[in-house]
Amino acid sequence: MSLQSDSAVHVAYDDHVSHDPATPERNLMRAVLKIAMDDLRKTGELHRDARAYVMSNEDNYLYSFLSICSHLNVCPHTIRKICGLADGWDSSSIAA
């Protein structure tokens, strides 16, 4: 290999950003969490379903609230507080 080819290989290696194969799944989990939080601001069935989802202690399936929080490394109690579903947080301070 020539010096120029070696340099190109090193530049390509240095510029390489490793691919995380779990990124699409994490993005989906973030979207599920965001939709649930948005639905909590609504009324009717969407609100009831979102409340049941966020307050559930089920962790047996991948997209349960607790599993998503675990995978995203966020505290479920904090999310519940932000959404006004736990003591110690005033949800009215969040802009709709």
N, C-alpha and C. Protein backbone atom coordinates (compact mmCIF):
# COMPACT_ATOMS: atom_id res chain seq x y z
N MET A 1 0.83 -1.18 0.00
CA MET A 1 0.00 0.00 0.00
C MET A 1 0.87 1.24 0.00
N SER A 2 0.42 2.23 -0.69
CA SER A 2 1.17 3.48 -0.73
C SER A 2 0.86 4.30 0.52
N LEU A 3 1.67 5.31 0.75
CA LEU A 3 1.47 6.20 1.89
C LEU A 3 0.12 6.90 1.79
N GLN A 4 -0.26 7.28 0.56
CA GLN A 4 -1.53 7.97 0.37
C GLN A 4 -2.71 7.04 0.72
N SER A 5 -2.64 5.78 0.34
CA SER A 5 -3.70 4.82 0.65
C SER A 5 -3.80 4.58 2.15
N ASP A 6 -2.65 4.47 2.81
CA ASP A 6 -2.65 4.29 4.26
C ASP A 6 -3.31 5.48 4.95
N SER A 7 -3.02 6.67 4.48
CA SER A 7 -3.61 7.88 5.06
C SER A 7 -5.12 7.88 4.90
N ALA A 8 -5.60 7.47 3.74
CA ALA A 8 -7.03 7.44 3.49
C ALA A 8 -7.72 6.44 4.42
N VAL A 9 -7.09 5.31 4.67
CA VAL A 9 -7.65 4.31 5.57
C VAL A 9 -7.73 4.87 6.98
N HIS A 10 -6.68 5.55 7.44
CA HIS A 10 -6.69 6.12 8.78
C HIS A 10 -7.73 7.22 8.92
N VAL A 11 -7.87 8.04 7.91
CA VAL A 11 -8.88 9.11 7.93
C VAL A 11 -10.28 8.49 7.98
N ALA A 12 -10.52 7.47 7.18
CA ALA A 12 -11.82 6.80 7.17
C ALA A 12 -12.09 6.15 8.52
N TYR A 13 -11.09 5.56 9.14
CA TYR A 13 -11.27 4.93 10.44
C TYR A 13 -11.56 5.98 11.51
N ASP A 14 -10.81 7.08 11.48
CA ASP A 14 -11.00 8.13 12.48
C ASP A 14 -12.37 8.80 12.36
N ASP A 15 -12.89 8.90 11.15
CA ASP A 15 -14.19 9.54 10.92
C ASP A 15 -15.36 8.59 11.13
N HIS A 16 -15.09 7.31 11.30
CA HIS A 16 -16.14 6.31 11.43
C HIS A 16 -16.91 6.51 12.74
N VAL A 17 -18.21 6.54 12.64
CA VAL A 17 -19.08 6.58 13.80
C VAL A 17 -19.69 5.20 13.93
N SER A 18 -19.48 4.57 15.06
CA SER A 18 -19.99 3.21 15.21
C SER A 18 -21.52 3.20 15.17
N HIS A 19 -22.06 2.16 14.61
CA HIS A 19 -23.50 2.00 14.46
C HIS A 19 -24.04 1.23 15.65
N ASP A 20 -25.05 1.78 16.28
CA ASP A 20 -25.72 1.09 17.37
C ASP A 20 -26.97 0.44 16.80
N PRO A 21 -27.00 -0.89 16.70
CA PRO A 21 -28.15 -1.56 16.08
C PRO A 21 -29.45 -1.38 16.86
N ALA A 22 -29.37 -0.94 18.11
CA ALA A 22 -30.58 -0.76 18.91
C ALA A 22 -31.20 0.63 18.77
N THR A 23 -30.59 1.51 18.01
CA THR A 23 -31.09 2.88 17.87
C THR A 23 -32.54 2.94 17.38
N PRO A 24 -32.93 2.21 16.35
CA PRO A 24 -34.33 2.28 15.92
C PRO A 24 -35.31 1.86 17.01
N GLU A 25 -34.98 0.82 17.77
CA GLU A 25 -35.85 0.38 18.84
C GLU A 25 -35.95 1.43 19.94
N ARG A 26 -34.83 2.07 20.27
CA ARG A 26 -34.85 3.13 21.29
C ARG A 26 -35.68 4.32 20.81
N ASN A 27 -35.56 4.65 19.54
CA ASN A 27 -36.37 5.74 19.00
C ASN A 27 -37.86 5.40 19.07
N LEU A 28 -38.20 4.16 18.79
CA LEU A 28 -39.59 3.73 18.90
C LEU A 28 -40.07 3.82 20.35
N MET A 29 -39.23 3.40 21.28
CA MET A 29 -39.59 3.49 22.70
C MET A 29 -39.80 4.94 23.12
N ARG A 30 -38.93 5.82 22.66
CA ARG A 30 -39.11 7.25 22.97
C ARG A 30 -40.43 7.76 22.41
N ALA A 31 -40.77 7.32 21.20
CA ALA A 31 -42.02 7.75 20.57
C ALA A 31 -43.23 7.23 21.35
N VAL A 32 -43.19 5.98 21.79
CA VAL A 32 -44.29 5.41 22.58
C VAL A 32 -44.47 6.21 23.87
N LEU A 33 -43.36 6.51 24.54
CA LEU A 33 -43.41 7.28 25.78
C LEU A 33 -43.96 8.69 25.53
N LYS A 34 -43.53 9.33 24.47
CA LYS A 34 -43.99 10.68 24.15
C LYS A 34 -45.48 10.68 23.83
N ILE A 35 -45.94 9.71 23.07
CA ILE A 35 -47.37 9.63 22.72
C ILE A 35 -48.20 9.44 23.99
N ALA A 36 -47.74 8.57 24.88
CA ALA A 36 -48.47 8.35 26.13
C ALA A 36 -48.54 9.65 26.94
N MET A 37 -47.42 10.37 27.01
CA MET A 37 -47.40 11.62 27.76
C MET A 37 -48.30 12.66 27.09
N ASP A 38 -48.31 12.70 25.77
CA ASP A 38 -49.21 13.63 25.05
C ASP A 38 -50.67 13.25 25.28
N ASP A 39 -50.97 11.97 25.26
CA ASP A 39 -52.35 11.51 25.45
C ASP A 39 -52.87 11.80 26.85
N LEU A 40 -51.98 11.92 27.81
CA LEU A 40 -52.41 12.25 29.17
C LEU A 40 -52.99 13.67 29.24
N ARG A 41 -52.65 14.51 28.29
CA ARG A 41 -53.17 15.88 28.26
C ARG A 41 -54.54 15.95 27.57
N LYS A 42 -54.96 14.87 26.99
CA LYS A 42 -56.23 14.83 26.28
C LYS A 42 -57.32 14.35 27.22
N THR A 43 -58.51 14.23 26.71
CA THR A 43 -59.63 13.75 27.51
C THR A 43 -60.16 12.45 26.92
N GLY A 44 -61.05 11.85 27.65
CA GLY A 44 -61.73 10.66 27.15
C GLY A 44 -60.89 9.40 27.17
N GLU A 45 -61.16 8.56 26.20
CA GLU A 45 -60.54 7.24 26.15
C GLU A 45 -59.02 7.31 26.00
N LEU A 46 -58.52 8.25 25.19
CA LEU A 46 -57.07 8.37 25.04
C LEU A 46 -56.41 8.67 26.38
N HIS A 47 -57.00 9.56 27.14
CA HIS A 47 -56.45 9.89 28.46
C HIS A 47 -56.51 8.67 29.39
N ARG A 48 -57.64 8.00 29.41
CA ARG A 48 -57.79 6.82 30.28
C ARG A 48 -56.78 5.74 29.92
N ASP A 49 -56.63 5.46 28.63
CA ASP A 49 -55.68 4.43 28.19
C ASP A 49 -54.25 4.82 28.53
N ALA A 50 -53.91 6.08 28.32
CA ALA A 50 -52.55 6.54 28.62
C ALA A 50 -52.28 6.48 30.12
N ARG A 51 -53.27 6.86 30.91
CA ARG A 51 -53.11 6.81 32.37
C ARG A 51 -52.91 5.36 32.84
N ALA A 52 -53.72 4.46 32.31
CA ALA A 52 -53.59 3.04 32.67
C ALA A 52 -52.20 2.52 32.27
N TYR A 53 -51.73 2.93 31.10
CA TYR A 53 -50.42 2.49 30.61
C TYR A 53 -49.30 3.00 31.51
N VAL A 54 -49.31 4.29 31.81
CA VAL A 54 -48.24 4.90 32.61
C VAL A 54 -48.28 4.42 34.06
N MET A 55 -49.44 4.16 34.58
CA MET A 55 -49.55 3.74 35.99
C MET A 55 -49.38 2.23 36.17
N SER A 56 -49.33 1.49 35.08
CA SER A 56 -49.19 0.03 35.16
C SER A 56 -47.82 -0.35 35.71
N ASN A 57 -47.80 -1.37 36.54
CA ASN A 57 -46.55 -1.91 37.05
C ASN A 57 -46.12 -3.16 36.29
N GLU A 58 -46.79 -3.41 35.19
CA GLU A 58 -46.47 -4.53 34.29
C GLU A 58 -45.09 -4.29 33.67
N ASP A 59 -44.25 -5.31 33.70
CA ASP A 59 -42.94 -5.19 33.05
C ASP A 59 -42.58 -6.45 32.27
N ASN A 60 -43.59 -7.23 31.93
CA ASN A 60 -43.36 -8.51 31.25
C ASN A 60 -43.16 -8.39 29.75
N TYR A 61 -43.57 -7.27 29.18
CA TYR A 61 -43.43 -7.18 27.73
C TYR A 61 -42.57 -5.96 27.37
N LEU A 62 -41.96 -6.01 26.22
CA LEU A 62 -40.94 -5.06 25.81
C LEU A 62 -41.40 -3.61 25.84
N TYR A 63 -42.62 -3.35 25.42
CA TYR A 63 -43.08 -1.97 25.32
C TYR A 63 -43.99 -1.54 26.46
N SER A 64 -43.91 -2.24 27.59
CA SER A 64 -44.62 -1.76 28.77
C SER A 64 -43.93 -0.49 29.25
N PHE A 65 -44.64 0.32 30.00
CA PHE A 65 -44.09 1.57 30.50
C PHE A 65 -42.80 1.34 31.30
N LEU A 66 -42.83 0.38 32.21
CA LEU A 66 -41.64 0.12 33.03
C LEU A 66 -40.47 -0.41 32.21
N SER A 67 -40.75 -1.25 31.23
CA SER A 67 -39.67 -1.76 30.37
C SER A 67 -39.05 -0.64 29.55
N ILE A 68 -39.88 0.24 29.02
CA ILE A 68 -39.36 1.37 28.24
C ILE A 68 -38.49 2.25 29.13
N CYS A 69 -38.98 2.56 30.32
CA CYS A 69 -38.19 3.39 31.24
C CYS A 69 -36.86 2.72 31.55
N SER A 70 -36.87 1.44 31.77
CA SER A 70 -35.64 0.71 32.06
C SER A 70 -34.67 0.76 30.89
N HIS A 71 -35.19 0.49 29.68
CA HIS A 71 -34.33 0.49 28.49
C HIS A 71 -33.76 1.87 28.18
N LEU A 72 -34.55 2.91 28.46
CA LEU A 72 -34.10 4.28 28.18
C LEU A 72 -33.37 4.90 29.36
N ASN A 73 -33.29 4.15 30.45
CA ASN A 73 -32.59 4.61 31.65
C ASN A 73 -33.21 5.89 32.20
N VAL A 74 -34.53 5.90 32.29
CA VAL A 74 -35.25 7.01 32.92
C VAL A 74 -36.05 6.46 34.09
N CYS A 75 -36.27 7.31 35.07
CA CYS A 75 -36.99 6.91 36.27
C CYS A 75 -38.50 6.97 36.01
N PRO A 76 -39.21 5.85 36.14
CA PRO A 76 -40.66 5.86 35.90
C PRO A 76 -41.40 6.77 36.87
N HIS A 77 -40.94 6.84 38.12
CA HIS A 77 -41.59 7.70 39.10
C HIS A 77 -41.47 9.17 38.69
N THR A 78 -40.32 9.55 38.16
CA THR A 78 -40.12 10.93 37.71
C THR A 78 -41.06 11.25 36.55
N ILE A 79 -41.19 10.32 35.60
CA ILE A 79 -42.11 10.53 34.47
C ILE A 79 -43.53 10.69 34.99
N ARG A 80 -43.91 9.84 35.93
CA ARG A 80 -45.25 9.93 36.50
C ARG A 80 -45.45 11.27 37.21
N LYS A 81 -44.44 11.73 37.93
CA LYS A 81 -44.54 13.03 38.60
C LYS A 81 -44.69 14.16 37.58
N ILE A 82 -43.91 14.12 36.52
CA ILE A 82 -43.98 15.15 35.49
C ILE A 82 -45.37 15.19 34.86
N CYS A 83 -45.97 14.02 34.72
CA CYS A 83 -47.31 13.92 34.11
C CYS A 83 -48.43 14.20 35.11
N GLY A 84 -48.07 14.49 36.35
CA GLY A 84 -49.07 14.78 37.36
C GLY A 84 -49.74 13.56 37.93
N LEU A 85 -49.11 12.40 37.81
CA LEU A 85 -49.70 11.16 38.29
C LEU A 85 -49.07 10.67 39.58
N ALA A 86 -48.20 11.47 40.17
CA ALA A 86 -47.58 11.11 41.44
C ALA A 86 -47.47 12.37 42.28
N ASP A 87 -47.38 12.21 43.55
CA ASP A 87 -47.28 13.35 44.45
C ASP A 87 -45.98 14.11 44.24
N GLY A 88 -46.02 15.41 44.50
CA GLY A 88 -44.81 16.20 44.50
C GLY A 88 -44.53 16.95 43.22
N TRP A 89 -45.48 16.99 42.29
CA TRP A 89 -45.23 17.70 41.03
C TRP A 89 -46.53 18.35 40.58
N ASP A 90 -46.43 19.57 40.16
CA ASP A 90 -47.59 20.29 39.65
C ASP A 90 -47.56 20.25 38.14
N SER A 91 -48.40 19.40 37.55
CA SER A 91 -48.39 19.23 36.09
C SER A 91 -48.89 20.47 35.36
N SER A 92 -49.54 21.39 36.05
CA SER A 92 -50.04 22.59 35.38
C SER A 92 -48.91 23.52 34.97
N SER A 93 -47.69 23.29 35.49
CA SER A 93 -46.55 24.13 35.13
C SER A 93 -45.95 23.72 33.81
N ILE A 94 -46.43 22.62 33.22
CA ILE A 94 -45.93 22.16 31.93
C ILE A 94 -46.77 22.79 30.83
N ALA A 95 -46.11 23.39 29.86
CA ALA A 95 -46.83 24.01 28.75
C ALA A 95 -47.47 22.93 27.90
N ALA A 96 -48.68 23.15 27.50
CA ALA A 96 -49.40 22.18 26.66
C ALA A 96 -48.97 22.25 25.23
